[in-house]
């Protein structure tokens, strides 16, 4: 395995001292990818291109030419992020051989800062899943235990970082799809405030939830990638114009904070005993260090997951209507006219979970049920946002487990989708409220499986969140 650089600052020091070259870094990562192909992390590796870009960057470094903020950082991107001239499939048959004709804003921004993109990472089809078992290309396996899932939907991105196949990876988070796999893999996963990072060039699942986020080994790298990717973009009108905090300005938080934790996370029988014990241990550490840590009972926990899935599926139904076998992507060879082109292309091109969500989304948007489901869910979403804001008026952060259990066995939850949906119980609150949240590694359980804890805070308070996260990891 390549030298395990914990942070990009370590890589930068190695490049400056001559200890390592960018080409050697890429070769080491490629070697690690080749040694772990059975984990099914990458849908495609850009090996030759990454090596060529690395050599060009080495030449510039040797000539003392100016380089970008990410020079020498080798990054994997989730396979729903467009990169001009490269395939992008969202891990779906319906986009199996589709080549992007433009790059997403985040790819352009990372390349402008001299990042090396090493490949596209496997994910749940159209980012719909909590286990990375819904991919057309097969499931991703956890590096810590190959009989277990890597988490979803950004499972490939999380395992790529966990297994040392790249230094950092980019995922997307709709209801927890960066944070939950980060928790399962023992790495850092940041979901910024909705509207912080451009969604231009990101294949849509649920447009009012989707948010790009980094998966890294360190908080400082998450902050650096956030700084590079965030900010206004003329191609995404939902973006806020709040100033983006500079990674160089982040520092470990030393002030005393007020922290709320969900009482249900400790009292609920559905939360794993090791997860409860880890949360309790961190609560005790925080109190011992002088912070105010109090339990709260959130008034709407039973509505979080249903509200999220009603709204996300409705938006998925609308967004995925464009894959019709006519415009682009898979077209069924068995089609004989326009109607059969639509029916057969979509039936053959989409996997069962995507079809399930499209049908449920279409149902809640239909004439007789719109008010009963979709309109009501929108009202509950506002209530959830208001209640979360009320808590954060009193407290600086909300602390929860990221997931109710560590990574589960491959195939275990696949038969009952509702069980899988409930894995989002702690992550969807930030998604529904549009607030930033981060999953931080919190050690391993007795079986050596990684555990993660989540911190949630006010909108656009990423600087405070990252500062405190840097401190939190040293508790």
Protein backbone atom coordinates (compact mmCIF):
# COMPACT_ATOMS: atom_id res chain seq x y z
CA UNK A 1 0.00 0.00 0.00
CA UNK A 2 1.15 3.55 -0.75
CA UNK A 3 2.38 5.71 2.12
CA UNK A 4 -0.73 6.62 4.04
CA UNK A 5 -0.72 10.42 3.96
CA UNK A 6 -3.23 11.63 6.50
CA UNK A 7 -3.62 15.11 5.05
CA UNK A 8 -2.80 17.04 1.91
CA UNK A 9 -0.37 19.21 3.88
CA UNK A 10 1.72 16.04 4.41
CA UNK A 11 1.69 15.40 0.65
CA UNK A 12 2.62 19.00 -0.06
CA UNK A 13 5.60 18.76 2.31
CA UNK A 14 6.70 15.56 0.60
CA UNK A 15 6.48 17.19 -2.82
CA UNK A 16 8.46 20.23 -1.70
CA UNK A 17 11.17 18.14 -0.02
CA UNK A 18 11.42 15.75 -2.95
CA UNK A 19 10.40 12.79 -0.78
CA UNK A 20 7.72 11.93 -3.33
CA UNK A 21 6.58 12.98 -6.81
CA UNK A 22 3.04 13.33 -8.09
CA UNK A 23 3.77 10.54 -10.59
CA UNK A 24 4.84 8.23 -7.77
CA UNK A 25 1.72 9.08 -5.80
CA UNK A 26 -0.49 8.19 -8.77
CA UNK A 27 1.44 4.95 -9.36
CA UNK A 28 1.01 3.98 -5.71
CA UNK A 29 -2.73 4.66 -5.84
CA UNK A 30 -3.07 2.71 -9.09
CA UNK A 31 -1.23 -0.19 -7.51
CA UNK A 32 -3.64 -0.12 -4.58
CA UNK A 33 -6.62 0.02 -6.97
CA UNK A 34 -5.30 -2.99 -8.91
CA UNK A 35 -4.69 -4.94 -5.70
CA UNK A 36 -8.27 -4.39 -4.55
CA UNK A 37 -10.38 -4.70 -7.69
CA UNK A 38 -12.53 -7.24 -5.81
CA UNK A 39 -13.89 -4.37 -3.70
CA UNK A 40 -15.54 -3.03 -6.89
CA UNK A 41 -14.79 0.59 -6.01
CA UNK A 42 -14.18 2.14 -9.44
CA UNK A 43 -16.46 1.92 -12.47
CA UNK A 44 -13.56 3.30 -14.52
CA UNK A 45 -9.96 4.22 -13.76
CA UNK A 46 -8.29 7.02 -15.72
CA UNK A 47 -4.82 5.53 -15.22
CA UNK A 48 -2.92 6.71 -18.29
CA UNK A 49 -4.48 10.16 -18.16
CA UNK A 50 -3.75 10.54 -14.44
CA UNK A 51 -0.11 9.55 -14.97
CA UNK A 52 0.28 11.99 -17.87
CA UNK A 53 -1.21 14.82 -15.81
CA UNK A 54 1.02 13.87 -12.88
CA UNK A 55 4.18 14.03 -15.01
CA UNK A 56 3.18 17.44 -16.36
CA UNK A 57 2.59 18.68 -12.82
CA UNK A 58 5.95 17.31 -11.66
CA UNK A 59 7.66 19.27 -14.43
CA UNK A 60 5.98 22.47 -13.31
CA UNK A 61 6.99 21.81 -9.69
CA UNK A 62 10.60 21.14 -10.71
CA UNK A 63 10.64 24.40 -12.67
CA UNK A 64 9.26 26.28 -9.65
CA UNK A 65 6.22 27.34 -11.64
CA UNK A 66 3.11 28.36 -9.65
CA UNK A 67 0.66 25.52 -8.99
CA UNK A 68 -2.87 25.32 -7.62
CA UNK A 69 -4.18 24.67 -4.12
CA UNK A 70 -4.75 20.97 -4.90
CA UNK A 71 -1.50 20.24 -6.77
CA UNK A 72 -0.69 16.59 -6.12
CA UNK A 73 -4.04 15.71 -4.55
CA UNK A 74 -5.34 12.56 -6.27
CA UNK A 75 -9.14 12.48 -6.24
CA UNK A 76 -11.87 10.00 -7.16
CA UNK A 77 -15.24 11.36 -8.29
CA UNK A 78 -18.61 9.70 -7.85
CA UNK A 79 -20.05 8.34 -11.09
CA UNK A 80 -22.82 10.93 -11.20
CA UNK A 81 -20.42 13.86 -11.66
CA UNK A 82 -19.84 14.98 -15.25
CA UNK A 83 -16.26 15.20 -16.57
CA UNK A 84 -15.95 16.30 -20.20
CA UNK A 85 -14.85 13.54 -22.56
CA UNK A 86 -15.34 10.85 -19.92
CA UNK A 87 -18.17 8.42 -19.36
CA UNK A 88 -20.69 9.15 -16.64
CA UNK A 89 -23.37 6.55 -15.88
CA UNK A 90 -24.77 7.15 -12.37
CA UNK A 91 -24.07 3.38 -12.10
CA UNK A 92 -27.10 2.71 -14.30
CA UNK A 93 -27.59 0.61 -17.41
CA UNK A 94 -29.66 3.42 -18.91
CA UNK A 95 -26.48 5.56 -19.16
CA UNK A 96 -24.06 2.68 -19.69
CA UNK A 97 -22.04 4.19 -22.54
CA UNK A 98 -22.88 7.86 -22.16
CA UNK A 99 -19.94 10.27 -22.51
CA UNK A 100 -20.28 13.71 -20.97
CA UNK A 101 -19.97 16.66 -23.35
CA UNK A 102 -19.10 19.11 -20.56
CA UNK A 103 -17.57 19.14 -17.08
CA UNK A 104 -19.41 19.91 -13.89
CA UNK A 105 -18.51 23.16 -12.17
CA UNK A 106 -16.84 21.29 -9.31
CA UNK A 107 -14.62 19.30 -11.69
CA UNK A 108 -13.60 22.49 -13.48
CA UNK A 109 -12.75 24.14 -10.16
CA UNK A 110 -10.69 21.18 -8.92
CA UNK A 111 -8.81 20.86 -12.20
CA UNK A 112 -8.11 24.61 -12.15
CA UNK A 113 -6.35 24.01 -8.82
CA UNK A 114 -4.30 21.14 -10.33
CA UNK A 115 -6.08 18.17 -8.78
CA UNK A 116 -5.49 14.78 -10.44
CA UNK A 117 -8.72 12.87 -11.08
CA UNK A 118 -7.96 9.16 -11.02
CA UNK A 119 -11.34 7.65 -11.87
CA UNK A 120 -15.09 7.50 -11.35
CA UNK A 121 -16.35 5.69 -8.27
CA UNK A 122 -19.17 3.18 -8.06
CA UNK A 123 -22.39 4.30 -6.37
CA UNK A 124 -26.00 3.28 -5.93
CA UNK A 125 -27.88 3.73 -9.20
CA UNK A 126 -28.80 7.42 -9.55
CA UNK A 127 -27.58 7.81 -5.93
CA UNK A 128 -30.60 5.88 -4.63
CA UNK A 129 -29.56 3.62 -1.79
CA UNK A 130 -27.86 3.25 1.58
CA UNK A 131 -25.58 0.31 0.82
CA UNK A 132 -24.15 0.69 -2.70
CA UNK A 133 -25.92 -2.56 -3.57
CA UNK A 134 -28.22 -0.95 -6.14
CA UNK A 135 -25.46 -0.35 -8.70
CA UNK A 136 -25.71 -1.83 -12.20
CA UNK A 137 -22.00 -2.65 -11.77
CA UNK A 138 -22.50 -4.64 -8.56
CA UNK A 139 -22.02 -3.82 -4.87
CA UNK A 140 -19.02 -2.11 -3.28
CA UNK A 141 -17.36 -4.03 -0.44
CA UNK A 142 -16.04 -2.51 2.77
CA UNK A 143 -12.23 -2.54 3.08
CA UNK A 144 -12.49 -3.23 6.83
CA UNK A 145 -14.62 -6.35 6.26
CA UNK A 146 -15.28 -7.52 2.72
CA UNK A 147 -18.49 -9.29 3.74
CA UNK A 148 -20.03 -5.92 4.56
CA UNK A 149 -21.31 -2.94 2.58
CA UNK A 150 -19.37 0.26 2.04
CA UNK A 151 -22.50 2.37 2.62
CA UNK A 152 -24.45 4.39 0.13
CA UNK A 153 -24.97 5.97 -2.09
CA UNK A 154 -21.36 7.25 -2.29
CA UNK A 155 -19.95 3.88 -1.20
CA UNK A 156 -17.29 3.71 -3.89
CA UNK A 157 -16.00 7.17 -2.97
CA UNK A 158 -15.80 6.30 0.74
CA UNK A 159 -14.08 2.94 0.26
CA UNK A 160 -11.64 4.50 -2.22
CA UNK A 161 -10.40 6.81 0.55
CA UNK A 162 -10.63 4.12 3.23
CA UNK A 163 -8.53 1.68 1.19
CA UNK A 164 -5.94 4.22 0.04
CA UNK A 165 -6.94 4.13 -3.63
CA UNK A 166 -6.90 7.94 -3.78
CA UNK A 167 -6.23 10.67 -1.29
CA UNK A 168 -9.75 12.12 -1.30
CA UNK A 169 -13.02 11.56 -3.12
CA UNK A 170 -16.11 13.56 -4.01
CA UNK A 171 -19.60 12.26 -3.38
CA UNK A 172 -23.11 13.63 -3.39
CA UNK A 173 -25.40 13.74 -0.37
CA UNK A 174 -29.17 13.78 -0.83
CA UNK A 175 -30.31 12.20 2.45
CA UNK A 176 -26.98 11.14 3.92
CA UNK A 177 -25.10 9.67 0.97
CA UNK A 178 -21.73 11.23 1.87
CA UNK A 179 -22.06 11.00 5.65
CA UNK A 180 -23.33 7.44 6.08
CA UNK A 181 -20.67 5.72 3.92
CA UNK A 182 -18.02 7.92 5.57
CA UNK A 183 -19.23 6.55 8.91
CA UNK A 184 -19.15 2.95 7.67
CA UNK A 185 -15.59 3.45 6.37
CA UNK A 186 -14.06 5.44 9.22
CA UNK A 187 -13.39 8.62 7.24
CA UNK A 188 -14.62 12.24 7.25
CA UNK A 189 -17.73 13.11 5.20
CA UNK A 190 -19.04 16.68 4.88
CA UNK A 191 -22.46 17.74 3.61
CA UNK A 192 -22.37 21.53 3.22
CA UNK A 193 -25.37 23.84 3.49
CA UNK A 194 -27.74 23.44 0.55
CA UNK A 195 -26.79 26.11 -1.97
CA UNK A 196 -23.09 26.23 -1.06
CA UNK A 197 -21.72 24.12 -3.93
CA UNK A 198 -22.90 24.17 -7.53
CA UNK A 199 -24.99 21.25 -8.76
CA UNK A 200 -24.24 22.10 -12.39
CA UNK A 201 -23.05 18.90 -14.04
CA UNK A 202 -24.29 16.63 -11.25
CA UNK A 203 -26.81 14.03 -12.42
CA UNK A 204 -29.94 14.90 -10.47
CA UNK A 205 -31.78 12.67 -8.04
CA UNK A 206 -33.75 15.12 -5.86
CA UNK A 207 -32.91 18.69 -6.78
CA UNK A 208 -33.96 20.40 -3.55
CA UNK A 209 -31.78 18.03 -1.51
CA UNK A 210 -28.75 17.09 -3.67
CA UNK A 211 -25.47 18.55 -2.41
CA UNK A 212 -21.87 17.78 -3.30
CA UNK A 213 -19.53 16.89 -0.45
CA UNK A 214 -15.92 15.78 0.09
CA UNK A 215 -14.85 12.47 1.65
CA UNK A 216 -11.40 12.72 3.22
CA UNK A 217 -9.09 11.40 5.91
CA UNK A 218 -8.78 14.75 7.68
CA UNK A 219 -11.00 17.71 8.51
CA UNK A 220 -8.44 20.12 7.01
CA UNK A 221 -8.72 18.36 3.63
CA UNK A 222 -12.53 18.52 3.80
CA UNK A 223 -12.19 22.25 4.46
CA UNK A 224 -9.77 22.71 1.55
CA UNK A 225 -11.97 20.85 -0.96
CA UNK A 226 -15.03 22.71 0.33
CA UNK A 227 -13.23 26.02 -0.23
CA UNK A 228 -12.26 25.07 -3.80
CA UNK A 229 -15.71 23.77 -4.81
CA UNK A 230 -18.00 26.26 -3.05
CA UNK A 231 -19.18 29.66 -4.18
CA UNK A 232 -21.51 31.28 -6.72
CA UNK A 233 -21.91 29.79 -10.19
CA UNK A 234 -23.89 31.32 -13.04
CA UNK A 235 -25.10 27.84 -14.05
CA UNK A 236 -26.84 27.15 -10.72
CA UNK A 237 -29.34 29.78 -9.62
CA UNK A 238 -30.02 28.03 -6.28
CA UNK A 239 -26.58 29.00 -4.98
CA UNK A 240 -26.20 31.39 -2.08
CA UNK A 241 -23.81 34.33 -2.20
CA UNK A 242 -22.49 33.90 1.33
CA UNK A 243 -18.70 34.28 1.61
CA UNK A 244 -16.85 30.96 1.57
CA UNK A 245 -14.55 30.36 4.54
CA UNK A 246 -10.89 29.91 3.64
CA UNK A 247 -9.31 26.62 4.67
CA UNK A 248 -6.16 28.45 5.76
CA UNK A 249 -8.27 30.40 8.24
CA UNK A 250 -9.62 27.33 9.99
CA UNK A 251 -8.26 26.47 13.40
CA UNK A 252 -8.99 23.95 16.10
CA UNK A 253 -11.86 25.29 18.24
CA UNK A 254 -10.94 25.98 21.86
CA UNK A 255 -14.04 27.81 23.16
CA UNK A 256 -16.69 26.07 25.23
CA UNK A 257 -19.82 25.12 23.33
CA UNK A 258 -23.42 24.18 23.99
CA UNK A 259 -24.18 20.82 22.41
CA UNK A 260 -27.50 19.01 22.16
CA UNK A 261 -27.77 15.28 21.61
CA UNK A 262 -30.86 13.32 20.69
CA UNK A 263 -32.20 11.37 23.66
CA UNK A 264 -33.71 8.87 21.22
CA UNK A 265 -30.23 7.94 19.98
CA UNK A 266 -29.48 6.45 23.38
CA UNK A 267 -32.94 5.20 24.38
CA UNK A 268 -34.07 3.65 21.08
CA UNK A 269 -33.80 -0.16 20.82
CA UNK A 270 -33.09 0.29 17.10
CA UNK A 271 -29.65 1.80 17.77
CA UNK A 272 -26.72 -0.62 18.07
CA UNK A 273 -25.22 -1.01 21.57
CA UNK A 274 -21.69 -0.09 20.40
CA UNK A 275 -23.05 3.04 18.67
CA UNK A 276 -24.81 4.06 21.90
CA UNK A 277 -21.67 3.40 23.96
CA UNK A 278 -19.55 5.48 21.56
CA UNK A 279 -22.00 8.40 21.64
CA UNK A 280 -22.15 8.24 25.44
CA UNK A 281 -18.33 8.16 25.69
CA UNK A 282 -18.02 11.32 23.56
CA UNK A 283 -20.74 13.07 25.55
CA UNK A 284 -18.74 12.32 28.72
CA UNK A 285 -15.51 13.59 27.11
CA UNK A 286 -17.17 16.82 26.01
CA UNK A 287 -18.61 17.43 29.47
CA UNK A 288 -15.26 16.67 31.10
CA UNK A 289 -13.68 19.28 28.83
CA UNK A 290 -16.08 21.96 30.01
CA UNK A 291 -18.76 21.96 27.31
CA UNK A 292 -22.47 22.07 28.10
CA UNK A 293 -24.02 18.87 26.72
CA UNK A 294 -27.76 18.31 27.16
CA UNK A 295 -30.26 15.77 25.87
CA UNK A 296 -33.15 16.95 23.73
CA UNK A 297 -36.16 15.07 22.48
CA UNK A 298 -36.86 16.18 18.93
CA UNK A 299 -40.62 16.46 18.51
CA UNK A 300 -40.83 15.10 14.96
CA UNK A 301 -38.52 12.04 14.74
CA UNK A 302 -41.22 9.75 13.35
CA UNK A 303 -41.81 12.16 10.46
CA UNK A 304 -38.21 12.61 9.33
CA UNK A 305 -37.78 9.57 7.11
CA UNK A 306 -41.33 9.52 5.64
CA UNK A 307 -41.15 13.24 4.82
CA UNK A 308 -37.76 12.88 3.19
CA UNK A 309 -38.74 9.88 1.06
CA UNK A 310 -42.05 11.34 -0.11
CA UNK A 311 -40.31 14.51 -1.31
CA UNK A 312 -37.17 12.85 -2.68
CA UNK A 313 -39.14 10.24 -4.61
CA UNK A 314 -41.44 12.90 -6.05
CA UNK A 315 -38.44 14.84 -7.30
CA UNK A 316 -36.82 11.65 -8.62
CA UNK A 317 -39.97 10.87 -10.60
CA UNK A 318 -39.69 14.26 -12.28
CA UNK A 319 -35.91 14.26 -12.78
CA UNK A 320 -35.71 10.77 -14.22
CA UNK A 321 -38.47 11.38 -16.78
CA UNK A 322 -35.73 12.57 -19.19
CA UNK A 323 -34.36 9.03 -19.58
CA UNK A 324 -36.83 7.88 -22.16
CA UNK A 325 -34.80 6.04 -24.81
CA UNK A 326 -35.22 8.94 -27.23
CA UNK A 327 -32.97 11.81 -26.17
CA UNK A 328 -29.85 9.90 -25.10
CA UNK A 329 -28.76 6.83 -23.17
CA UNK A 330 -30.04 3.26 -23.48
CA UNK A 331 -32.68 2.47 -26.09
CA UNK A 332 -34.29 -0.96 -26.02
CA UNK A 333 -33.59 -3.06 -29.14
CA UNK A 334 -37.01 -4.63 -28.60
CA UNK A 335 -38.91 -1.37 -29.16
CA UNK A 336 -41.18 -1.17 -32.20
CA UNK A 337 -42.80 2.28 -31.86
CA UNK A 338 -42.71 5.39 -29.66
CA UNK A 339 -44.72 3.92 -26.79
CA UNK A 340 -42.70 0.69 -26.63
CA UNK A 341 -39.50 2.74 -26.88
CA UNK A 342 -40.49 4.55 -23.69
CA UNK A 343 -41.78 1.49 -21.86
CA UNK A 344 -39.10 -1.02 -22.77
CA UNK A 345 -36.14 1.37 -22.55
CA UNK A 346 -37.11 2.48 -19.05
CA UNK A 347 -38.14 -1.00 -17.88
CA UNK A 348 -34.89 -2.56 -19.11
CA UNK A 349 -32.62 0.40 -18.34
CA UNK A 350 -33.53 1.15 -14.72
CA UNK A 351 -32.85 -1.14 -11.77
CA UNK A 352 -35.58 -2.24 -9.37
CA UNK A 353 -34.88 0.35 -6.64
CA UNK A 354 -34.92 3.23 -9.12
CA UNK A 355 -38.17 1.94 -10.62
CA UNK A 356 -39.64 1.61 -7.13
CA UNK A 357 -38.80 5.24 -6.31
CA UNK A 358 -40.08 6.56 -9.65
CA UNK A 359 -43.40 4.74 -9.16
CA UNK A 360 -43.79 5.92 -5.56
CA UNK A 361 -42.86 9.46 -6.58
CA UNK A 362 -45.34 9.44 -9.44
CA UNK A 363 -48.02 8.15 -7.05
CA UNK A 364 -47.54 10.94 -4.48
CA UNK A 365 -47.67 13.53 -7.28
CA UNK A 366 -50.80 12.09 -8.90
CA UNK A 367 -54.08 13.98 -8.99
CA UNK A 368 -55.86 12.28 -6.10
CA UNK A 369 -52.89 12.10 -3.75
CA UNK A 370 -50.87 15.28 -4.26
CA UNK A 371 -52.41 17.13 -1.31
CA UNK A 372 -52.47 14.08 0.95
CA UNK A 373 -48.78 13.27 0.49
CA UNK A 374 -46.59 15.75 -1.39
CA UNK A 375 -48.18 19.01 -0.18
CA UNK A 376 -48.39 17.74 3.39
CA UNK A 377 -44.77 16.57 3.32
CA UNK A 378 -43.69 20.04 2.21
CA UNK A 379 -45.47 21.53 5.23
CA UNK A 380 -43.83 19.02 7.56
CA UNK A 381 -40.46 19.83 6.01
CA UNK A 382 -40.91 23.45 7.04
CA UNK A 383 -41.87 22.35 10.56
CA UNK A 384 -38.72 20.22 10.76
CA UNK A 385 -36.61 23.15 9.60
CA UNK A 386 -38.25 25.49 12.13
CA UNK A 387 -37.83 23.02 15.02
CA UNK A 388 -34.19 22.45 14.09
CA UNK A 389 -33.60 26.19 14.02
CA UNK A 390 -35.21 26.48 17.46
CA UNK A 391 -32.76 23.93 18.85
CA UNK A 392 -29.82 25.69 17.20
CA UNK A 393 -30.91 29.04 18.64
CA UNK A 394 -30.12 27.51 22.05
CA UNK A 395 -27.25 25.18 21.10
CA UNK A 396 -24.20 25.47 18.84
CA UNK A 397 -24.34 21.89 17.54
CA UNK A 398 -26.55 18.81 17.50
CA UNK A 399 -24.64 15.56 18.08
CA UNK A 400 -26.01 12.22 16.87
CA UNK A 401 -24.74 8.92 15.56
CA UNK A 402 -24.34 9.09 11.80
CA UNK A 403 -26.05 5.70 11.38
CA UNK A 404 -27.92 3.49 13.87
CA UNK A 405 -25.52 0.57 13.24
CA UNK A 406 -22.07 -0.08 11.79
CA UNK A 407 -21.80 -1.41 8.22
CA UNK A 408 -24.17 -4.33 7.76
CA UNK A 409 -23.62 -7.56 5.83
CA UNK A 410 -23.93 -7.57 2.04
CA UNK A 411 -27.44 -8.60 1.00
CA UNK A 412 -28.82 -8.37 4.54
CA UNK A 413 -31.21 -5.43 4.09
CA UNK A 414 -31.83 -5.77 0.37
CA UNK A 415 -35.08 -7.70 0.71
CA UNK A 416 -36.86 -5.02 2.74
CA UNK A 417 -36.42 -1.49 1.35
CA UNK A 418 -38.13 0.11 4.37
CA UNK A 419 -35.40 -1.26 6.67
CA UNK A 420 -32.80 0.30 4.40
CA UNK A 421 -34.65 3.62 4.31
CA UNK A 422 -34.56 3.75 8.12
CA UNK A 423 -30.76 3.83 7.98
CA UNK A 424 -31.20 7.51 7.10
CA UNK A 425 -32.93 8.32 10.41
CA UNK A 426 -30.08 10.51 11.73
CA UNK A 427 -28.89 12.04 8.45
CA UNK A 428 -32.13 13.26 6.82
CA UNK A 429 -32.74 16.02 9.37
CA UNK A 430 -29.86 18.11 7.99
CA UNK A 431 -31.00 17.34 4.45
CA UNK A 432 -34.61 18.38 5.07
CA UNK A 433 -33.47 21.57 6.84
CA UNK A 434 -30.75 22.35 4.27
CA UNK A 435 -28.14 22.60 7.03
CA UNK A 436 -24.48 21.56 7.07
CA UNK A 437 -23.49 18.33 8.81
CA UNK A 438 -20.35 16.25 9.06
CA UNK A 439 -19.65 12.61 9.89
CA UNK A 440 -16.48 12.10 11.92
CA UNK A 441 -14.72 8.79 12.59
CA UNK A 442 -15.23 7.69 16.20
CA UNK A 443 -13.16 4.52 16.45
CA UNK A 444 -14.15 0.92 15.78
CA UNK A 445 -16.49 -1.51 17.49
CA UNK A 446 -15.44 -4.85 18.99
CA UNK A 447 -15.45 -6.45 15.52
CA UNK A 448 -13.14 -3.80 14.07
CA UNK A 449 -15.91 -2.06 12.13
CA UNK A 450 -15.69 1.75 11.91
CA UNK A 451 -18.22 3.92 13.72
CA UNK A 452 -19.08 7.55 13.02
CA UNK A 453 -20.71 10.44 14.87
CA UNK A 454 -22.46 13.38 13.22
CA UNK A 455 -22.41 17.08 14.06
CA UNK A 456 -25.09 19.38 12.64
CA UNK A 457 -25.15 23.17 12.86
CA UNK A 458 -26.76 26.35 11.48
CA UNK A 459 -26.91 27.19 7.78
CA UNK A 460 -23.66 28.60 6.36
CA UNK A 461 -21.77 27.88 9.61
CA UNK A 462 -19.33 25.48 7.96
CA UNK A 463 -16.36 27.36 9.41
CA UNK A 464 -17.58 26.82 12.96
CA UNK A 465 -18.48 23.21 12.15
CA UNK A 466 -15.06 22.42 10.69
CA UNK A 467 -13.20 24.20 13.49
CA UNK A 468 -15.08 22.22 16.12
CA UNK A 469 -14.67 18.98 14.15
CA UNK A 470 -10.89 19.44 14.20
CA UNK A 471 -11.09 19.65 18.01
CA UNK A 472 -13.65 16.82 18.25
CA UNK A 473 -11.35 14.32 16.54
CA UNK A 474 -8.70 14.88 19.21
CA UNK A 475 -11.01 14.17 22.15
